[in-house]
Protein backbone atom coordinates (compact mmCIF):
# COMPACT_ATOMS: atom_id res chain seq x y z
CA MET A 1 86.97 110.52 119.19
CA VAL A 2 88.94 113.59 118.12
CA PHE A 3 89.23 114.54 114.46
CA SER A 4 91.84 116.73 112.87
CA LEU A 5 90.38 119.44 110.69
CA THR A 6 93.65 120.12 108.90
CA PRO A 7 92.81 121.42 105.42
CA LEU A 8 93.87 119.32 102.46
CA PRO A 9 96.32 120.85 99.98
CA TYR A 10 93.81 121.64 97.22
CA LEU A 11 91.42 123.33 99.68
CA SER A 12 94.14 124.90 101.78
CA HIS A 13 93.24 128.52 101.21
CA LYS A 14 90.37 130.39 102.76
CA GLU A 15 89.39 131.56 99.26
CA ASP A 16 88.72 127.92 98.30
CA TYR A 17 86.36 127.45 101.25
CA MET A 18 84.65 130.75 100.61
CA GLU A 19 84.20 129.84 96.93
CA LEU A 20 82.39 126.63 97.91
CA LYS A 21 80.31 128.46 100.51
CA GLU A 22 79.25 131.15 98.02
CA TYR A 23 78.71 128.59 95.27
CA PHE A 24 76.21 126.59 97.33
CA LYS A 25 74.63 129.71 98.78
CA ASN A 26 73.93 131.21 95.35
CA THR A 27 73.60 128.30 92.91
CA LYS A 28 70.34 126.45 92.44
CA GLY A 29 70.31 122.86 91.30
CA VAL A 30 69.85 119.23 92.27
CA GLY A 31 72.16 117.31 94.57
CA VAL A 32 72.65 113.58 94.97
CA LEU A 33 74.49 112.09 97.96
CA SER A 34 75.91 108.59 97.45
CA THR A 35 77.01 106.27 100.24
CA ALA A 36 77.80 102.59 100.66
CA ASP A 37 77.52 100.38 103.71
CA GLY A 38 80.42 98.43 105.19
CA GLU A 39 79.90 95.63 102.67
CA GLY A 40 79.88 97.96 99.66
CA ARG A 41 76.12 98.06 98.96
CA VAL A 42 75.53 101.47 97.37
CA ASP A 43 72.71 103.95 97.94
CA THR A 44 71.97 107.32 96.35
CA ALA A 45 69.54 109.95 97.58
CA ILE A 46 68.49 113.46 96.62
CA TYR A 47 69.91 115.99 99.10
CA SER A 48 69.74 119.75 99.34
CA ARG A 49 72.79 121.96 99.04
CA PRO A 50 75.28 121.43 101.87
CA TYR A 51 76.15 123.89 104.59
CA VAL A 52 79.79 125.00 104.23
CA PHE A 53 81.59 126.11 107.38
CA GLU A 54 84.53 128.50 107.75
CA ASP A 55 86.96 125.65 108.52
CA GLY A 56 86.23 124.11 105.10
CA THR A 57 84.03 121.30 106.39
CA MET A 58 80.53 120.84 105.07
CA ALA A 59 77.39 119.30 106.51
CA PHE A 60 74.05 117.83 105.58
CA ILE A 61 71.00 117.46 107.76
CA MET A 62 69.60 113.95 107.55
CA ARG A 63 67.18 111.60 109.20
CA HIS A 64 68.10 108.06 110.22
CA ARG A 65 67.39 106.50 106.85
CA LEU A 66 69.61 104.40 104.58
CA THR A 67 72.16 107.16 103.87
CA HIS A 68 72.69 107.85 107.57
CA HIS A 69 72.77 104.12 108.31
CA ASN A 70 75.49 103.56 105.69
CA LEU A 71 77.65 106.32 107.17
CA GLN A 72 77.80 104.43 110.47
CA SER A 73 79.90 101.65 108.88
CA ASN A 74 81.54 103.49 105.96
CA SER A 75 82.57 107.13 106.41
CA HIS A 76 83.06 107.84 102.68
CA ALA A 77 80.48 109.53 100.47
CA ALA A 78 80.21 111.38 97.17
CA TYR A 79 78.01 114.39 96.46
CA LEU A 80 77.06 115.26 92.88
CA PHE A 81 75.50 118.69 92.31
CA MET A 82 74.03 119.57 88.91
CA GLU A 83 73.30 123.26 88.38
CA GLN A 84 69.86 124.36 87.26
CA GLY A 85 69.79 125.56 83.65
CA PRO A 86 70.98 124.46 80.24
CA GLY A 87 73.94 122.14 79.82
CA TYR A 88 75.73 120.00 82.35
CA LYS A 89 77.45 122.20 84.92
CA GLY A 90 78.11 121.43 88.55
CA LYS A 91 80.46 119.77 90.99
CA ARG A 92 81.44 116.33 92.25
CA LEU A 93 82.69 116.28 95.83
CA PHE A 94 84.34 113.28 97.47
CA LEU A 95 83.75 113.36 101.22
CA THR A 96 84.77 111.70 104.48
CA LYS A 97 82.50 111.88 107.52
CA LEU A 98 84.18 113.48 110.53
CA GLU A 99 81.41 113.62 113.10
CA GLU A 100 77.69 114.06 113.61
CA GLU A 101 75.38 115.86 116.00
CA LYS A 102 71.87 114.79 116.96
CA GLU A 103 69.19 117.46 117.51
CA THR A 104 71.70 120.16 118.54
CA GLU A 105 71.13 123.91 118.71
CA ARG A 106 73.47 124.41 115.73
CA LEU A 107 71.38 121.94 113.69
CA GLN A 108 68.18 123.79 114.58
CA LYS A 109 69.73 127.12 113.47
CA LEU A 110 70.74 125.65 110.12
CA HIS A 111 67.49 123.80 109.41
CA ARG A 112 65.80 125.46 106.39
CA ARG A 113 62.35 123.86 106.49
CA CYS A 114 59.58 124.96 108.80
CA ARG A 115 57.38 122.11 109.94
CA SER A 116 55.10 121.81 112.92
CA PRO A 117 56.53 120.03 116.00
CA GLU A 118 54.10 117.19 115.31
CA GLU A 119 55.36 116.73 111.74
CA GLU A 120 58.98 116.82 112.96
CA ALA A 121 58.29 114.20 115.65
CA GLU A 122 56.67 111.87 113.10
CA LYS A 123 59.73 111.96 110.86
CA GLY A 124 62.18 111.03 113.64
CA PRO A 125 65.36 112.66 114.94
CA LYS A 126 67.61 114.81 112.74
CA PHE A 127 71.38 114.55 112.49
CA LEU A 128 73.89 117.15 111.34
CA VAL A 129 76.54 115.06 109.60
CA ILE A 130 79.84 116.88 109.06
CA PHE A 131 82.31 115.97 106.32
CA LYS A 132 85.74 117.01 105.13
CA VAL A 133 86.10 117.50 101.38
CA ASP A 134 88.72 115.10 100.07
CA LYS A 135 88.47 116.10 96.42
CA GLU A 136 86.48 118.45 94.18
CA LEU A 137 85.92 117.82 90.48
CA PRO A 138 83.67 119.46 87.89
CA LEU A 139 80.44 117.67 87.00
CA ILE A 140 81.85 116.56 83.64
CA GLY A 141 85.46 116.06 82.61
CA ALA A 142 88.74 116.72 84.38
CA GLY A 143 88.37 113.43 86.19
CA GLU A 144 91.08 110.98 86.95
CA THR A 145 91.77 107.91 84.90
CA ALA A 146 91.46 104.46 86.42
CA ALA A 147 94.70 102.85 87.52
């Protein structure tokens, strides 16, 4: 399956991608990735900051747990990131899965945690799941009204 990585209008400039890349590189906080299966049953899970690539896509490393399972039948997800510190600052990102890689060299280069090979084997295979960003909103406010 071939996916088009054509940027969307609101993230059409390299500055927009670089802003997201720098934001997640430099901002500490807590992230929650939400998915739903093909029948609409919702799951949420704590996830680290995403990896943002030069083409504007972003990725998460995940194991084959409920979040990964849901993405096999429903490619849409939402990522909420709340910045560390006082107040309620952060981002809400609406995502569509483009592709995934299993235990690739690129995944190994991105992986932040250092575990022994035995610990890694016990936890199961890792997947690099790549998304396009459909929409970006602040953590609070500036949202859209329901139709």
